[in-house]
Every structure is written in structure tokens, then in C-alpha cells.
Amino acid sequence: MYKILLVEDNEMNRDMLSRRLLRKGYQVVIAVDGQQGIDSAKSECPDLILMDMSLPVLDGWGATRQLKELQETKHIPVIALTAHAMSSDRDKAFEVGCDDFDTKPVEWERLLGKIQGYLKEI
């Protein structure tokens, strides 16, 4: 069973995504801010991270940059989730180390396809 770390501060988004991921058979670990996301990635060793970019404490940009600098987490694919849909936001996500980018509101089938694509590579 694949483990996905969902880093999301919005309760409605968190609940919707975690329920859908659980129904697809994934184990879900939840973090509500960027620092908690880093800590959970180090302790839980997820197979993939869904990272909201607008987070309290430490935003998703900074959290992803740190995760990609750490030896124990740099290999974990990170999919950025953001309501910021401008091409500059997409570019920034790749600059900080995100492996992919998806916009909110989440289009479930598209996001699921991306998740499955990365997990097949493991």
C-alpha cells in the first residue's frame, strides 16, 4: 500500500482529498502546515507528497525547497496543489523542486492520474 503525505491547511480540501485517496486504497498521512509537512516526511517516509503552496508557519514553496535539500526526502515526488494558476506560479513550483503541479479546485481524475503515474515509477 502506497503512503501519501497530504500537506493541506484547509479542512474541507483535506477531508475531500483524504477520503478519495483512502477509497483508492492509499494510506494517508496529514500535515496542516509546511513545518509539520517536513517533519512528517522525515518520520513517515511517504511515497508521494501532495503539497499545498499557501500554508501557515512555513509555506509550501519553502517546505518543498527544504525537502528537496534533505538526503532522506529529496527522492520523494512532490505535487504542488495551489489556487495560484498563473504560469509564473507553475514555474516557481518547479524552481523549488516540485515534480508536478496541479490547480485548485482539484479536478480529481486529473490529479489521480498524476499520482498513479508517479507511484508506478517506484
PDB file of N, CA and C in Angstrom:
ATOM      1  N   MET A   1       0.846  -1.182   0.000  1.00  0.00           N
ATOM      2  CA  MET A   1       0.000   0.000   0.000  1.00  0.00           C
ATOM      3  C   MET A   1       0.891   1.244   0.000  1.00  0.00           C
ATOM      4  N   TYR A   2       0.629   2.130  -0.934  1.00  0.00           N
ATOM      5  CA  TYR A   2       1.394   3.364  -1.020  1.00  0.00           C
ATOM      6  C   TYR A   2       0.936   4.352   0.048  1.00  0.00           C
ATOM      7  N   LYS A   3       1.901   5.123   0.551  1.00  0.00           N
ATOM      8  CA  LYS A   3       1.614   6.128   1.567  1.00  0.00           C
ATOM      9  C   LYS A   3       1.764   7.513   0.950  1.00  0.00           C
ATOM     10  N   ILE A   4       0.726   8.334   1.106  1.00  0.00           N
ATOM     11  CA  ILE A   4       0.729   9.700   0.586  1.00  0.00           C
ATOM     12  C   ILE A   4       0.639  10.674   1.755  1.00  0.00           C
ATOM     13  N   LEU A   5       1.550  11.645   1.747  1.00  0.00           N
ATOM     14  CA  LEU A   5       1.508  12.732   2.718  1.00  0.00           C
ATOM     15  C   LEU A   5       0.745  13.884   2.091  1.00  0.00           C
ATOM     16  N   LEU A   6      -0.354  14.261   2.721  1.00  0.00           N
ATOM     17  CA  LEU A   6      -1.181  15.380   2.266  1.00  0.00           C
ATOM     18  C   LEU A   6      -0.909  16.571   3.184  1.00  0.00           C
ATOM     19  N   VAL A   7      -0.280  17.609   2.640  1.00  0.00           N
ATOM     20  CA  VAL A   7       0.030  18.814   3.414  1.00  0.00           C
ATOM     21  C   VAL A   7      -0.962  19.882   2.971  1.00  0.00           C
ATOM     22  N   GLU A   8      -1.973  20.095   3.794  1.00  0.00           N
ATOM     23  CA  GLU A   8      -3.104  20.964   3.427  1.00  0.00           C
ATOM     24  C   GLU A   8      -3.698  21.567   4.686  1.00  0.00           C
ATOM     25  N   ASP A   9      -3.828  22.892   4.728  1.00  0.00           N
ATOM     26  CA  ASP A   9      -4.374  23.542   5.916  1.00  0.00           C
ATOM     27  C   ASP A   9      -5.882  23.736   5.858  1.00  0.00           C
ATOM     28  N   ASN A  10      -6.467  23.683   4.674  1.00  0.00           N
ATOM     29  CA  ASN A  10      -7.906  23.881   4.534  1.00  0.00           C
ATOM     30  C   ASN A  10      -8.638  22.573   4.862  1.00  0.00           C
ATOM     31  N   GLU A  11      -9.456  22.612   5.878  1.00  0.00           N
ATOM     32  CA  GLU A  11     -10.118  21.393   6.360  1.00  0.00           C
ATOM     33  C   GLU A  11     -10.996  20.731   5.300  1.00  0.00           C
ATOM     34  N   MET A  12     -11.742  21.530   4.533  1.00  0.00           N
ATOM     35  CA  MET A  12     -12.610  20.937   3.504  1.00  0.00           C
ATOM     36  C   MET A  12     -11.785  20.237   2.428  1.00  0.00           C
ATOM     37  N   ASN A  13     -10.733  20.882   1.957  1.00  0.00           N
ATOM     38  CA  ASN A  13      -9.861  20.263   0.951  1.00  0.00           C
ATOM     39  C   ASN A  13      -9.198  19.002   1.506  1.00  0.00           C
ATOM     40  N   ARG A  14      -8.738  19.098   2.739  1.00  0.00           N
ATOM     41  CA  ARG A  14      -8.067  17.970   3.396  1.00  0.00           C
ATOM     42  C   ARG A  14      -9.013  16.776   3.510  1.00  0.00           C
ATOM     43  N   ASP A  15     -10.222  17.018   3.959  1.00  0.00           N
ATOM     44  CA  ASP A  15     -11.194  15.933   4.125  1.00  0.00           C
ATOM     45  C   ASP A  15     -11.570  15.302   2.791  1.00  0.00           C
ATOM     46  N   MET A  16     -11.817  16.139   1.782  1.00  0.00           N
ATOM     47  CA  MET A  16     -12.216  15.633   0.474  1.00  0.00           C
ATOM     48  C   MET A  16     -11.100  14.788  -0.137  1.00  0.00           C
ATOM     49  N   LEU A  17      -9.891  15.317  -0.127  1.00  0.00           N
ATOM     50  CA  LEU A  17      -8.776  14.586  -0.735  1.00  0.00           C
ATOM     51  C   LEU A  17      -8.437  13.315   0.039  1.00  0.00           C
ATOM     52  N   SER A  18      -8.411  13.404   1.361  1.00  0.00           N
ATOM     53  CA  SER A  18      -8.046  12.215   2.137  1.00  0.00           C
ATOM     54  C   SER A  18      -9.089  11.105   1.976  1.00  0.00           C
ATOM     55  N   ARG A  19     -10.365  11.452   1.940  1.00  0.00           N
ATOM     56  CA  ARG A  19     -11.408  10.426   1.729  1.00  0.00           C
ATOM     57  C   ARG A  19     -11.250   9.758   0.372  1.00  0.00           C
ATOM     58  N   ARG A  20     -11.013  10.545  -0.650  1.00  0.00           N
ATOM     59  CA  ARG A  20     -10.865   9.979  -2.000  1.00  0.00           C
ATOM     60  C   ARG A  20      -9.614   9.113  -2.099  1.00  0.00           C
ATOM     61  N   LEU A  21      -8.539   9.544  -1.493  1.00  0.00           N
ATOM     62  CA  LEU A  21      -7.303   8.750  -1.511  1.00  0.00           C
ATOM     63  C   LEU A  21      -7.485   7.440  -0.753  1.00  0.00           C
ATOM     64  N   LEU A  22      -8.143   7.502   0.381  1.00  0.00           N
ATOM     65  CA  LEU A  22      -8.401   6.281   1.169  1.00  0.00           C
ATOM     66  C   LEU A  22      -9.258   5.296   0.377  1.00  0.00           C
ATOM     67  N   ARG A  23     -10.275   5.811  -0.325  1.00  0.00           N
ATOM     68  CA  ARG A  23     -11.135   4.940  -1.138  1.00  0.00           C
ATOM     69  C   ARG A  23     -10.364   4.257  -2.264  1.00  0.00           C
ATOM     70  N   LYS A  24      -9.300   4.892  -2.732  1.00  0.00           N
ATOM     71  CA  LYS A  24      -8.468   4.315  -3.792  1.00  0.00           C
ATOM     72  C   LYS A  24      -7.413   3.362  -3.215  1.00  0.00           C
ATOM     73  N   GLY A  25      -7.404   3.214  -1.899  1.00  0.00           N
ATOM     74  CA  GLY A  25      -6.508   2.242  -1.285  1.00  0.00           C
ATOM     75  C   GLY A  25      -5.176   2.793  -0.807  1.00  0.00           C
ATOM     76  N   TYR A  26      -5.023   4.108  -0.790  1.00  0.00           N
ATOM     77  CA  TYR A  26      -3.782   4.702  -0.309  1.00  0.00           C
ATOM     78  C   TYR A  26      -3.839   4.917   1.195  1.00  0.00           C
ATOM     79  N   GLN A  27      -2.695   4.825   1.835  1.00  0.00           N
ATOM     80  CA  GLN A  27      -2.576   5.219   3.233  1.00  0.00           C
ATOM     81  C   GLN A  27      -2.310   6.726   3.212  1.00  0.00           C
ATOM     82  N   VAL A  28      -2.976   7.484   4.061  1.00  0.00           N
ATOM     83  CA  VAL A  28      -2.856   8.940   4.042  1.00  0.00           C
ATOM     84  C   VAL A  28      -2.335   9.442   5.389  1.00  0.00           C
ATOM     85  N   VAL A  29      -1.296  10.257   5.306  1.00  0.00           N
ATOM     86  CA  VAL A  29      -0.758  10.963   6.465  1.00  0.00           C
ATOM     87  C   VAL A  29      -1.047  12.438   6.223  1.00  0.00           C
ATOM     88  N   ILE A  30      -1.490  13.144   7.261  1.00  0.00           N
ATOM     89  CA  ILE A  30      -1.898  14.541   7.093  1.00  0.00           C
ATOM     90  C   ILE A  30      -1.004  15.474   7.900  1.00  0.00           C
ATOM     91  N   ALA A  31      -0.646  16.583   7.265  1.00  0.00           N
ATOM     92  CA  ALA A  31       0.046  17.678   7.942  1.00  0.00           C
ATOM     93  C   ALA A  31      -0.700  18.958   7.590  1.00  0.00           C
ATOM     94  N   VAL A  32      -0.758  19.905   8.518  1.00  0.00           N
ATOM     95  CA  VAL A  32      -1.565  21.110   8.299  1.00  0.00           C
ATOM     96  C   VAL A  32      -0.735  22.374   8.068  1.00  0.00           C
ATOM     97  N   ASP A  33       0.595  22.265   8.122  1.00  0.00           N
ATOM     98  CA  ASP A  33       1.449  23.398   7.778  1.00  0.00           C
ATOM     99  C   ASP A  33       2.765  22.861   7.211  1.00  0.00           C
ATOM    100  N   GLY A  34       3.553  23.759   6.645  1.00  0.00           N
ATOM    101  CA  GLY A  34       4.770  23.337   5.974  1.00  0.00           C
ATOM    102  C   GLY A  34       5.791  22.666   6.881  1.00  0.00           C
ATOM    103  N   GLN A  35       5.965  23.196   8.090  1.00  0.00           N
ATOM    104  CA  GLN A  35       6.932  22.588   9.008  1.00  0.00           C
ATOM    105  C   GLN A  35       6.484  21.195   9.422  1.00  0.00           C
ATOM    106  N   GLN A  36       5.207  21.045   9.687  1.00  0.00           N
ATOM    107  CA  GLN A  36       4.663  19.724  10.017  1.00  0.00           C
ATOM    108  C   GLN A  36       4.825  18.770   8.828  1.00  0.00           C
ATOM    109  N   GLY A  37       4.711  19.310   7.616  1.00  0.00           N
ATOM    110  CA  GLY A  37       4.914  18.506   6.416  1.00  0.00           C
ATOM    111  C   GLY A  37       6.332  17.968   6.333  1.00  0.00           C
ATOM    112  N   ILE A  38       7.308  18.818   6.613  1.00  0.00           N
ATOM    113  CA  ILE A  38       8.706  18.378   6.605  1.00  0.00           C
ATOM    114  C   ILE A  38       8.925  17.314   7.667  1.00  0.00           C
ATOM    115  N   ASP A  39       8.441  17.573   8.876  1.00  0.00           N
ATOM    116  CA  ASP A  39       8.605  16.613   9.973  1.00  0.00           C
ATOM    117  C   ASP A  39       7.949  15.276   9.644  1.00  0.00           C
ATOM    118  N   SER A  40       6.747  15.323   9.070  1.00  0.00           N
ATOM    119  CA  SER A  40       6.039  14.087   8.717  1.00  0.00           C
ATOM    120  C   SER A  40       6.744  13.342   7.585  1.00  0.00           C
ATOM    121  N   ALA A  41       7.280  14.072   6.625  1.00  0.00           N
ATOM    122  CA  ALA A  41       8.001  13.422   5.524  1.00  0.00           C
ATOM    123  C   ALA A  41       9.219  12.681   6.060  1.00  0.00           C
ATOM    124  N   LYS A  42       9.904  13.276   7.020  1.00  0.00           N
ATOM    125  CA  LYS A  42      11.089  12.640   7.597  1.00  0.00           C
ATOM    126  C   LYS A  42      10.725  11.425   8.446  1.00  0.00           C
ATOM    127  N   SER A  43       9.629  11.504   9.181  1.00  0.00           N
ATOM    128  CA  SER A  43       9.277  10.407  10.090  1.00  0.00           C
ATOM    129  C   SER A  43       8.444   9.315   9.424  1.00  0.00           C
ATOM    130  N   GLU A  44       7.627   9.671   8.443  1.00  0.00           N
ATOM    131  CA  GLU A  44       6.693   8.715   7.834  1.00  0.00           C
ATOM    132  C   GLU A  44       7.191   8.093   6.529  1.00  0.00           C
ATOM    133  N   CYS A  45       8.180   8.696   5.898  1.00  0.00           N
ATOM    134  CA  CYS A  45       8.725   8.210   4.622  1.00  0.00           C
ATOM    135  C   CYS A  45       7.621   7.911   3.603  1.00  0.00           C
ATOM    136  N   PRO A  46       6.838   8.932   3.219  1.00  0.00           N
ATOM    137  CA  PRO A  46       5.759   8.685   2.255  1.00  0.00           C
ATOM    138  C   PRO A  46       6.317   8.390   0.865  1.00  0.00           C
ATOM    139  N   ASP A  47       5.482   7.794   0.034  1.00  0.00           N
ATOM    140  CA  ASP A  47       5.859   7.508  -1.345  1.00  0.00           C
ATOM    141  C   ASP A  47       5.645   8.718  -2.244  1.00  0.00           C
ATOM    142  N   LEU A  48       4.781   9.656  -1.809  1.00  0.00           N
ATOM    143  CA  LEU A  48       4.457  10.839  -2.594  1.00  0.00           C
ATOM    144  C   LEU A  48       3.909  11.903  -1.651  1.00  0.00           C
ATOM    145  N   ILE A  49       4.121  13.167  -1.999  1.00  0.00           N
ATOM    146  CA  ILE A  49       3.623  14.284  -1.184  1.00  0.00           C
ATOM    147  C   ILE A  49       2.734  15.175  -2.051  1.00  0.00           C
ATOM    148  N   LEU A  50       1.539  15.470  -1.551  1.00  0.00           N
ATOM    149  CA  LEU A  50       0.658  16.481  -2.137  1.00  0.00           C
ATOM    150  C   LEU A  50       0.831  17.729  -1.282  1.00  0.00           C
ATOM    151  N   MET A  51       1.382  18.787  -1.859  1.00  0.00           N
ATOM    152  CA  MET A  51       1.779  19.963  -1.090  1.00  0.00           C
ATOM    153  C   MET A  51       0.990  21.194  -1.501  1.00  0.00           C
ATOM    154  N   ASP A  52       0.144  21.673  -0.583  1.00  0.00           N
ATOM    155  CA  ASP A  52      -0.491  22.968  -0.791  1.00  0.00           C
ATOM    156  C   ASP A  52       0.616  24.014  -0.721  1.00  0.00           C
ATOM    157  N   MET A  53       0.528  25.060  -1.511  1.00  0.00           N
ATOM    158  CA  MET A  53       1.573  26.074  -1.521  1.00  0.00           C
ATOM    159  C   MET A  53       1.307  27.210  -0.534  1.00  0.00           C
ATOM    160  N   SER A  54       0.032  27.455  -0.202  1.00  0.00           N
ATOM    161  CA  SER A  54      -0.325  28.529   0.727  1.00  0.00           C
ATOM    162  C   SER A  54      -0.614  27.925   2.095  1.00  0.00           C
ATOM    163  N   LEU A  55       0.434  27.826   2.904  1.00  0.00           N
ATOM    164  CA  LEU A  55       0.329  27.176   4.210  1.00  0.00           C
ATOM    165  C   LEU A  55       0.798  28.111   5.313  1.00  0.00           C
ATOM    166  N   PRO A  56       0.283  27.915   6.535  1.00  0.00           N
ATOM    167  CA  PRO A  56       0.793  28.688   7.667  1.00  0.00           C
ATOM    168  C   PRO A  56       2.145  28.127   8.140  1.00  0.00           C
ATOM    169  N   VAL A  57       2.792  28.856   9.011  1.00  0.00           N
ATOM    170  CA  VAL A  57       4.077  28.527   9.636  1.00  0.00           C
ATOM    171  C   VAL A  57       5.210  28.569   8.605  1.00  0.00           C
ATOM    172  N   LEU A  58       5.170  27.678   7.638  1.00  0.00           N
ATOM    173  CA  LEU A  58       6.134  27.633   6.537  1.00  0.00           C
ATOM    174  C   LEU A  58       5.335  27.292   5.286  1.00  0.00           C
ATOM    175  N   ASP A  59       5.416  28.148   4.267  1.00  0.00           N
ATOM    176  CA  ASP A  59       4.599  27.885   3.078  1.00  0.00           C
ATOM    177  C   ASP A  59       5.124  26.684   2.294  1.00  0.00           C
ATOM    178  N   GLY A  60       4.327  26.237   1.334  1.00  0.00           N
ATOM    179  CA  GLY A  60       4.674  25.060   0.553  1.00  0.00           C
ATOM    180  C   GLY A  60       5.917  25.241  -0.294  1.00  0.00           C
ATOM    181  N   TRP A  61       6.173  26.492  -0.710  1.00  0.00           N
ATOM    182  CA  TRP A  61       7.377  26.768  -1.501  1.00  0.00           C
ATOM    183  C   TRP A  61       8.616  26.456  -0.656  1.00  0.00           C
ATOM    184  N   GLY A  62       8.644  27.007   0.557  1.00  0.00           N
ATOM    185  CA  GLY A  62       9.791  26.804   1.451  1.00  0.00           C
ATOM    186  C   GLY A  62       9.904  25.364   1.924  1.00  0.00           C
ATOM    187  N   ALA A  63       8.771  24.755   2.214  1.00  0.00           N
ATOM    188  CA  ALA A  63       8.791  23.364   2.688  1.00  0.00           C
ATOM    189  C   ALA A  63       9.325  22.436   1.594  1.00  0.00           C
ATOM    190  N   THR A  64       8.880  22.636   0.354  1.00  0.00           N
ATOM    191  CA  THR A  64       9.358  21.792  -0.739  1.00  0.00           C
ATOM    192  C   THR A  64      10.848  21.994  -0.964  1.00  0.00           C
ATOM    193  N   ARG A  65      11.297  23.236  -0.932  1.00  0.00           N
ATOM    194  CA  ARG A  65      12.724  23.526  -1.113  1.00  0.00           C
ATOM    195  C   ARG A  65      13.540  22.764  -0.058  1.00  0.00           C
ATOM    196  N   GLN A  66      13.092  22.803   1.184  1.00  0.00           N
ATOM    197  CA  GLN A  66      13.821  22.102   2.246  1.00  0.00           C
ATOM    198  C   GLN A  66      13.780  20.585   2.055  1.00  0.00           C
ATOM    199  N   LEU A  67      12.625  20.053   1.673  1.00  0.00           N
ATOM    200  CA  LEU A  67      12.506  18.605   1.461  1.00  0.00           C
ATOM    201  C   LEU A  67      13.441  18.126   0.355  1.00  0.00           C
ATOM    202  N   LYS A  68      13.583  18.928  -0.688  1.00  0.00           N
ATOM    203  CA  LYS A  68      14.430  18.535  -1.809  1.00  0.00           C
ATOM    204  C   LYS A  68      15.923  18.704  -1.505  1.00  0.00           C
ATOM    205  N   GLU A  69      16.236  19.416  -0.420  1.00  0.00           N
ATOM    206  CA  GLU A  69      17.631  19.572   0.004  1.00  0.00           C
ATOM    207  C   GLU A  69      18.064  18.481   0.981  1.00  0.00           C
ATOM    208  N   LEU A  70      17.110  17.805   1.585  1.00  0.00           N
ATOM    209  CA  LEU A  70      17.417  16.772   2.578  1.00  0.00           C
ATOM    210  C   LEU A  70      17.660  15.426   1.903  1.00  0.00           C
ATOM    211  N   GLN A  71      18.729  14.768   2.279  1.00  0.00           N
ATOM    212  CA  GLN A  71      19.089  13.485   1.694  1.00  0.00           C
ATOM    213  C   GLN A  71      17.953  12.465   1.834  1.00  0.00           C
ATOM    214  N   GLU A  72      17.306  12.433   2.995  1.00  0.00           N
ATOM    215  CA  GLU A  72      16.302  11.399   3.250  1.00  0.00           C
ATOM    216  C   GLU A  72      14.947  11.653   2.580  1.00  0.00           C
ATOM    217  N   THR A  73      14.732  12.866   2.061  1.00  0.00           N
ATOM    218  CA  THR A  73      13.429  13.164   1.454  1.00  0.00           C
ATOM    219  C   THR A  73      13.513  13.658   0.009  1.00  0.00           C
ATOM    220  N   LYS A  74      14.680  13.924  -0.506  1.00  0.00           N
ATOM    221  CA  LYS A  74      14.787  14.543  -1.834  1.00  0.00           C
ATOM    222  C   LYS A  74      14.253  13.676  -2.963  1.00  0.00           C
ATOM    223  N   HIS A  75      14.177  12.373  -2.751  1.00  0.00           N
ATOM    224  CA  HIS A  75      13.692  11.453  -3.794  1.00  0.00           C
ATOM    225  C   HIS A  75      12.161  11.367  -3.860  1.00  0.00           C
ATOM    226  N   ILE A  76      11.467  11.893  -2.855  1.00  0.00           N
ATOM    227  CA  ILE A  76      10.004  11.767  -2.787  1.00  0.00           C
ATOM    228  C   ILE A  76       9.358  12.738  -3.777  1.00  0.00           C
ATOM    229  N   PRO A  77       8.522  12.236  -4.697  1.00  0.00           N
ATOM    230  CA  PRO A  77       7.842  13.143  -5.623  1.00  0.00           C
ATOM    231  C   PRO A  77       6.889  14.079  -4.872  1.00  0.00           C
ATOM    232  N   VAL A  78       6.923  15.352  -5.253  1.00  0.00           N
ATOM    233  CA  VAL A  78       6.049  16.366  -4.659  1.00  0.00           C
ATOM    234  C   VAL A  78       5.181  16.956  -5.762  1.00  0.00           C
ATOM    235  N   ILE A  79       3.869  16.876  -5.560  1.00  0.00           N
ATOM    236  CA  ILE A  79       2.923  17.525  -6.470  1.00  0.00           C
ATOM    237  C   ILE A  79       2.386  18.764  -5.767  1.00  0.00           C
ATOM    238  N   ALA A  80       2.646  19.929  -6.362  1.00  0.00           N
ATOM    239  CA  ALA A  80       2.153  21.188  -5.814  1.00  0.00           C
ATOM    240  C   ALA A  80       0.657  21.300  -6.077  1.00  0.00           C
ATOM    241  N   LEU A  81      -0.083  21.719  -5.066  1.00  0.00           N
ATOM    242  CA  LEU A  81      -1.519  21.994  -5.212  1.00  0.00           C
ATOM    243  C   LEU A  81      -1.728  23.458  -4.847  1.00  0.00           C
ATOM    244  N   THR A  82      -2.264  24.224  -5.782  1.00  0.00           N
ATOM    245  CA  THR A  82      -2.423  25.642  -5.495  1.00  0.00           C
ATOM    246  C   THR A  82      -3.566  26.265  -6.282  1.00  0.00           C
ATOM    247  N   ALA A  83      -4.160  27.276  -5.681  1.00  0.00           N
ATOM    248  CA  ALA A  83      -5.181  28.058  -6.366  1.00  0.00           C
ATOM    249  C   ALA A  83      -4.515  29.081  -7.286  1.00  0.00           C
ATOM    250  N   HIS A  84      -3.208  29.254  -7.130  1.00  0.00           N
ATOM    251  CA  HIS A  84      -2.449  30.169  -7.986  1.00  0.00           C
ATOM    252  C   HIS A  84      -2.155  29.475  -9.306  1.00  0.00           C
ATOM    253  N   ALA A  85      -2.912  29.805 -10.323  1.00  0.00           N
ATOM    254  CA  ALA A  85      -2.841  29.066 -11.592  1.00  0.00           C
ATOM    255  C   ALA A  85      -2.051  29.791 -12.675  1.00  0.00           C
ATOM    256  N   MET A  86      -1.333  30.821 -12.313  1.00  0.00           N
ATOM    257  CA  MET A  86      -0.566  31.557 -13.315  1.00  0.00           C
ATOM    258  C   MET A  86       0.692  30.774 -13.689  1.00  0.00           C
ATOM    259  N   SER A  87       1.181  30.997 -14.893  1.00  0.00           N
ATOM    260  CA  SER A  87       2.365  30.257 -15.347  1.00  0.00           C
ATOM    261  C   SER A  87       3.576  30.559 -14.479  1.00  0.00           C
ATOM    262  N   SER A  88       3.649  31.763 -13.903  1.00  0.00           N
ATOM    263  CA  SER A  88       4.772  32.090 -13.016  1.00  0.00           C
ATOM    264  C   SER A  88       4.730  31.239 -11.747  1.00  0.00           C
ATOM    265  N   ASP A  89       3.530  30.901 -11.274  1.00  0.00           N
ATOM    266  CA  ASP A  89       3.408  30.031 -10.095  1.00  0.00           C
ATOM    267  C   ASP A  89       3.853  28.618 -10.436  1.00  0.00           C
ATOM    268  N   ARG A  90       3.501  28.176 -11.616  1.00  0.00           N
ATOM    269  CA  ARG A  90       3.934  26.853 -12.079  1.00  0.00           C
ATOM    270  C   ARG A  90       5.461  26.810 -12.164  1.00  0.00           C
ATOM    271  N   ASP A  91       6.035  27.849 -12.754  1.00  0.00           N
ATOM    272  CA  ASP A  91       7.495  27.924 -12.864  1.00  0.00           C
ATOM    273  C   ASP A  91       8.148  27.932 -11.488  1.00  0.00           C
ATOM    274  N   LYS A  92       7.570  28.696 -10.564  1.00  0.00           N
ATOM    275  CA  LYS A  92       8.120  28.785  -9.205  1.00  0.00           C
ATOM    276  C   LYS A  92       8.066  27.419  -8.514  1.00  0.00           C
ATOM    277  N   ALA A  93       6.979  26.682  -8.742  1.00  0.00           N
ATOM    278  CA  ALA A  93       6.853  25.350  -8.134  1.00  0.00           C
ATOM    279  C   ALA A  93       7.977  24.438  -8.613  1.00  0.00           C
ATOM    280  N   PHE A  94       8.278  24.485  -9.894  1.00  0.00           N
ATOM    281  CA  PHE A  94       9.363  23.651 -10.416  1.00  0.00           C
ATOM    282  C   PHE A  94      10.723  24.146  -9.925  1.00  0.00           C
ATOM    283  N   GLU A  95      10.876  25.458  -9.773  1.00  0.00           N
ATOM    284  CA  GLU A  95      12.128  26.027  -9.265  1.00  0.00           C
ATOM    285  C   GLU A  95      12.453  25.531  -7.863  1.00  0.00           C
ATOM    286  N   VAL A  96      11.440  25.418  -7.005  1.00  0.00           N
ATOM    287  CA  VAL A  96      11.699  24.979  -5.626  1.00  0.00           C
ATOM    288  C   VAL A  96      11.809  23.463  -5.510  1.00  0.00           C
ATOM    289  N   GLY A  97      11.539  22.739  -6.610  1.00  0.00           N
ATOM    290  CA  GLY A  97      11.756  21.299  -6.602  1.00  0.00           C
ATOM    291  C   GLY A  97      10.531  20.431  -6.754  1.00  0.00           C
ATOM    292  N   CYS A  98       9.357  21.037  -6.942  1.00  0.00           N
ATOM    293  CA  CYS A  98       8.161  20.210  -7.153  1.00  0.00           C
ATOM    294  C   CYS A  98       8.333  19.387  -8.424  1.00  0.00           C
ATOM    295  N   ASP A  99       7.821  18.177  -8.396  1.00  0.00           N
ATOM    296  CA  ASP A  99       7.900  17.294  -9.556  1.00  0.00           C
ATOM    297  C   ASP A  99       6.733  17.514 -10.507  1.00  0.00           C
ATOM    298  N   ASP A 100       5.631  18.041  -9.965  1.00  0.00           N
ATOM    299  CA  ASP A 100       4.450  18.296 -10.785  1.00  0.00           C
ATOM    300  C   ASP A 100       3.649  19.407 -10.129  1.00  0.00           C
ATOM    301  N   PHE A 101       2.578  19.816 -10.795  1.00  0.00           N
ATOM    302  CA  PHE A 101       1.804  20.984 -10.400  1.00  0.00           C
ATOM    303  C   PHE A 101       0.354  20.736 -10.765  1.00  0.00           C
ATOM    304  N   ASP A 102      -0.546  21.031  -9.859  1.00  0.00           N
ATOM    305  CA  ASP A 102      -1.969  20.936 -10.170  1.00  0.00           C
ATOM    306  C   ASP A 102      -2.689  22.082  -9.483  1.00  0.00           C
ATOM    307  N   THR A 103      -3.797  22.497 -10.078  1.00  0.00           N
ATOM    308  CA  THR A 103      -4.512  23.661  -9.575  1.00  0.00           C
ATOM    309  C   THR A 103      -5.737  23.260  -8.764  1.00  0.00           C
ATOM    310  N   LYS A 104      -6.138  24.200  -7.921  1.00  0.00           N
ATOM    311  CA  LYS A 104      -7.377  24.069  -7.165  1.00  0.00           C
ATOM    312  C   LYS A 104      -8.394  24.988  -7.822  1.00  0.00           C
ATOM    313  N   PRO A 105      -9.659  24.661  -7.807  1.00  0.00           N
ATOM    314  CA  PRO A 105     -10.178  23.427  -7.208  1.00  0.00           C
ATOM    315  C   PRO A 105      -9.653  22.199  -7.949  1.00  0.00           C
ATOM    316  N   VAL A 106      -9.428  21.170  -7.183  1.00  0.00           N
ATOM    317  CA  VAL A 106      -8.830  19.946  -7.713  1.00  0.00           C
ATOM    318  C   VAL A 106      -9.786  19.235  -8.661  1.00  0.00           C
ATOM    319  N   GLU A 107      -9.279  18.887  -9.821  1.00  0.00           N
ATOM    320  CA  GLU A 107     -10.006  18.009 -10.740  1.00  0.00           C
ATOM    321  C   GLU A 107      -9.507  16.600 -10.419  1.00  0.00           C
ATOM    322  N   TRP A 108     -10.313  15.832  -9.701  1.00  0.00           N
ATOM    323  CA  TRP A 108      -9.899  14.567  -9.105  1.00  0.00           C
ATOM    324  C   TRP A 108      -9.274  13.587 -10.091  1.00  0.00           C
ATOM    325  N   GLU A 109      -9.903  13.363 -11.207  1.00  0.00           N
ATOM    326  CA  GLU A 109      -9.382  12.367 -12.158  1.00  0.00           C
ATOM    327  C   GLU A 109      -8.010  12.760 -12.703  1.00  0.00           C
ATOM    328  N   ARG A 110      -7.816  14.039 -12.968  1.00  0.00           N
ATOM    329  CA  ARG A 110      -6.514  14.509 -13.455  1.00  0.00           C
ATOM    330  C   ARG A 110      -5.436  14.323 -12.380  1.00  0.00           C
ATOM    331  N   LEU A 111      -5.770  14.723 -11.140  1.00  0.00           N
ATOM    332  CA  LEU A 111      -4.813  14.576 -10.044  1.00  0.00           C
ATOM    333  C   LEU A 111      -4.512  13.103  -9.785  1.00  0.00           C
ATOM    334  N   LEU A 112      -5.523  12.272  -9.786  1.00  0.00           N
ATOM    335  CA  LEU A 112      -5.332  10.838  -9.568  1.00  0.00           C
ATOM    336  C   LEU A 112      -4.411  10.247 -10.634  1.00  0.00           C
ATOM    337  N   GLY A 113      -4.575  10.672 -11.870  1.00  0.00           N
ATOM    338  CA  GLY A 113      -3.702  10.204 -12.944  1.00  0.00           C
ATOM    339  C   GLY A 113      -2.249  10.561 -12.687  1.00  0.00           C
ATOM    340  N   LYS A 114      -2.019  11.775 -12.199  1.00  0.00           N
ATOM    341  CA  LYS A 114      -0.651  12.192 -11.875  1.00  0.00           C
ATOM    342  C   LYS A 114      -0.090  11.355 -10.720  1.00  0.00           C
ATOM    343  N   ILE A 115      -0.890  11.157  -9.687  1.00  0.00           N
ATOM    344  CA  ILE A 115      -0.455  10.372  -8.534  1.00  0.00           C
ATOM    345  C   ILE A 115      -0.078   8.959  -8.992  1.00  0.00           C
ATOM    346  N   GLN A 116      -0.955   8.348  -9.742  1.00  0.00           N
ATOM    347  CA  GLN A 116      -0.711   6.962 -10.206  1.00  0.00           C
ATOM    348  C   GLN A 116       0.524   6.887 -11.092  1.00  0.00           C
ATOM    349  N   GLY A 117       0.739   7.912 -11.898  1.00  0.00           N
ATOM    350  CA  GLY A 117       1.916   7.943 -12.757  1.00  0.00           C
ATOM    351  C   GLY A 117       3.213   7.946 -11.964  1.00  0.00           C
ATOM    352  N   TYR A 118       3.266   8.743 -10.914  1.00  0.00           N
ATOM    353  CA  TYR A 118       4.474   8.792 -10.090  1.00  0.00           C
ATOM    354  C   TYR A 118       4.661   7.511  -9.286  1.00  0.00           C
ATOM    355  N   LEU A 119       3.575   6.948  -8.800  1.00  0.00           N
ATOM    356  CA  LEU A 119       3.704   5.754  -7.962  1.00  0.00           C
ATOM    357  C   LEU A 119       4.063   4.510  -8.798  1.00  0.00           C
ATOM    358  N   LYS A 120       3.729   4.524 -10.071  1.00  0.00           N
ATOM    359  CA  LYS A 120       4.132   3.393 -10.957  1.00  0.00           C
ATOM    360  C   LYS A 120       5.644   3.385 -11.156  1.00  0.00           C
ATOM    361  N   GLU A 121       6.267   4.558 -11.022  1.00  0.00           N
ATOM    362  CA  GLU A 121       7.705   4.663 -11.232  1.00  0.00           C
ATOM    363  C   GLU A 121       8.497   4.129 -10.045  1.00  0.00           C
ATOM    364  N   ILE A 122       7.838   3.909  -8.923  1.00  0.00           N
ATOM    365  CA  ILE A 122       8.543   3.444  -7.715  1.00  0.00           C
ATOM    366  C   ILE A 122       8.850   1.972  -7.819  1.00  0.00           C
TER     367      ILE A 122
END
